[in-house]
Amino acid sequence: MKSPGTPTLPIPFAARVSRPDHVLVREIEGELILLNLNNACYYGLDEVGTDMWTHLTTSDSVQTAFESLSAVYAAEPAEIRKELEELLAKLCHNDLIEVHVG
């Protein structure tokens, strides 16, 4: 069962993340621009943020995205988890993702 919305942070790693219909995404030179059509604000993600976004929105869960990112980057898993949690919080706060729990 899907229950999209903005859950209490931190977002559970068992949750799945998707792009809401009101968010347009465009890639420009390896970086993403996210445009929230509800408030006309745009947000830029650097190369690492773009990679995190891609893993988050194409994985079955945040945990799966975390595991994939941990295999790609040489950073300690605790640092990757911290960075991922911070990105998720920003995306959630700015209504740029839907979180599906359960």
Protein backbone atom coordinates (compact mmCIF):
# COMPACT_ATOMS: atom_id res chain seq x y z
CA MET A 1 0.00 0.00 0.00
CA LYS A 2 1.34 3.42 -0.95
CA SER A 3 0.93 6.35 1.36
CA PRO A 4 2.65 9.33 -0.20
CA GLY A 5 3.29 12.32 1.91
CA THR A 6 5.74 14.04 4.15
CA PRO A 7 6.58 11.78 7.06
CA THR A 8 8.27 12.80 10.25
CA LEU A 9 12.00 13.04 9.75
CA PRO A 10 14.20 11.14 9.55
CA ILE A 11 12.72 9.27 6.63
CA PRO A 12 12.77 5.51 7.28
CA PHE A 13 15.28 3.67 5.12
CA ALA A 14 12.59 1.05 4.40
CA ALA A 15 10.57 3.75 2.57
CA ARG A 16 10.55 4.28 -1.18
CA VAL A 17 11.03 7.76 -2.67
CA SER A 18 9.56 9.10 -5.89
CA ARG A 19 9.29 12.36 -7.83
CA PRO A 20 5.91 14.06 -7.40
CA ASP A 21 3.99 15.16 -10.50
CA HIS A 22 4.47 18.82 -9.55
CA VAL A 23 8.28 18.57 -9.79
CA LEU A 24 10.06 18.88 -13.13
CA VAL A 25 13.59 17.49 -13.40
CA ARG A 26 16.15 18.48 -16.03
CA GLU A 27 19.78 17.49 -16.34
CA ILE A 28 22.27 20.13 -17.41
CA GLU A 29 25.92 19.16 -17.80
CA GLY A 30 25.69 16.27 -15.33
CA GLU A 31 23.79 18.18 -12.67
CA LEU A 32 20.05 18.23 -11.98
CA ILE A 33 17.70 21.17 -11.73
CA LEU A 34 14.47 20.44 -9.84
CA LEU A 35 11.57 22.84 -10.39
CA ASN A 36 8.69 22.75 -7.93
CA LEU A 37 5.68 23.94 -9.96
CA ASN A 38 3.65 24.56 -6.79
CA ASN A 39 5.92 27.37 -5.58
CA ALA A 40 7.94 28.18 -8.74
CA CYS A 41 11.22 27.59 -6.89
CA TYR A 42 14.07 25.67 -8.41
CA TYR A 43 16.80 23.70 -6.72
CA GLY A 44 20.13 22.55 -8.08
CA LEU A 45 21.93 19.32 -7.26
CA ASP A 46 25.64 18.93 -7.88
CA GLU A 47 27.08 15.76 -9.39
CA VAL A 48 26.98 13.78 -6.12
CA GLY A 49 23.49 15.07 -5.28
CA THR A 50 22.38 14.08 -8.78
CA ASP A 51 23.77 10.59 -8.24
CA MET A 52 21.97 10.34 -4.90
CA TRP A 53 18.70 11.54 -6.48
CA THR A 54 19.01 8.97 -9.25
CA HIS A 55 19.64 6.13 -6.80
CA LEU A 56 16.82 7.30 -4.50
CA THR A 57 14.19 7.62 -7.21
CA THR A 58 15.06 4.39 -9.01
CA SER A 59 15.55 2.06 -6.03
CA ASP A 60 12.98 -0.04 -4.22
CA SER A 61 13.88 1.67 -0.94
CA VAL A 62 16.13 4.28 0.60
CA GLN A 63 18.12 1.38 2.08
CA THR A 64 18.77 -0.08 -1.38
CA ALA A 65 19.89 3.35 -2.61
CA PHE A 66 22.19 3.67 0.41
CA GLU A 67 23.73 0.25 -0.27
CA SER A 68 24.29 1.09 -3.95
CA LEU A 69 25.87 4.44 -3.09
CA SER A 70 28.08 2.78 -0.47
CA ALA A 71 29.37 0.43 -3.17
CA VAL A 72 30.14 3.35 -5.52
CA TYR A 73 31.75 5.89 -3.17
CA ALA A 74 34.90 5.39 -1.12
CA ALA A 75 33.53 7.31 1.88
CA GLU A 76 32.68 5.57 5.14
CA PRO A 77 29.11 4.20 5.20
CA ALA A 78 28.30 6.43 8.20
CA GLU A 79 29.25 9.52 6.18
CA ILE A 80 27.23 8.41 3.16
CA ARG A 81 24.24 7.74 5.42
CA LYS A 82 24.57 11.21 7.00
CA GLU A 83 24.77 12.91 3.59
CA LEU A 84 21.81 10.89 2.30
CA GLU A 85 19.71 11.75 5.37
CA GLU A 86 20.55 15.46 4.95
CA LEU A 87 19.59 15.39 1.26
CA LEU A 88 16.35 13.55 2.03
CA ALA A 89 15.46 16.12 4.69
CA LYS A 90 16.06 19.01 2.25
CA LEU A 91 14.09 17.33 -0.53
CA CYS A 92 11.24 16.56 1.83
CA HIS A 93 11.23 20.06 3.35
CA ASN A 94 11.02 21.60 -0.13
CA ASP A 95 8.27 19.20 -1.29
CA LEU A 96 10.50 17.70 -3.99
CA ILE A 97 9.87 14.03 -3.15
CA GLU A 98 7.03 11.76 -2.17
CA VAL A 99 7.77 9.15 0.47
CA HIS A 100 5.96 5.82 0.33
CA VAL A 101 5.99 3.84 3.56
CA GLY A 102 4.66 0.32 3.84
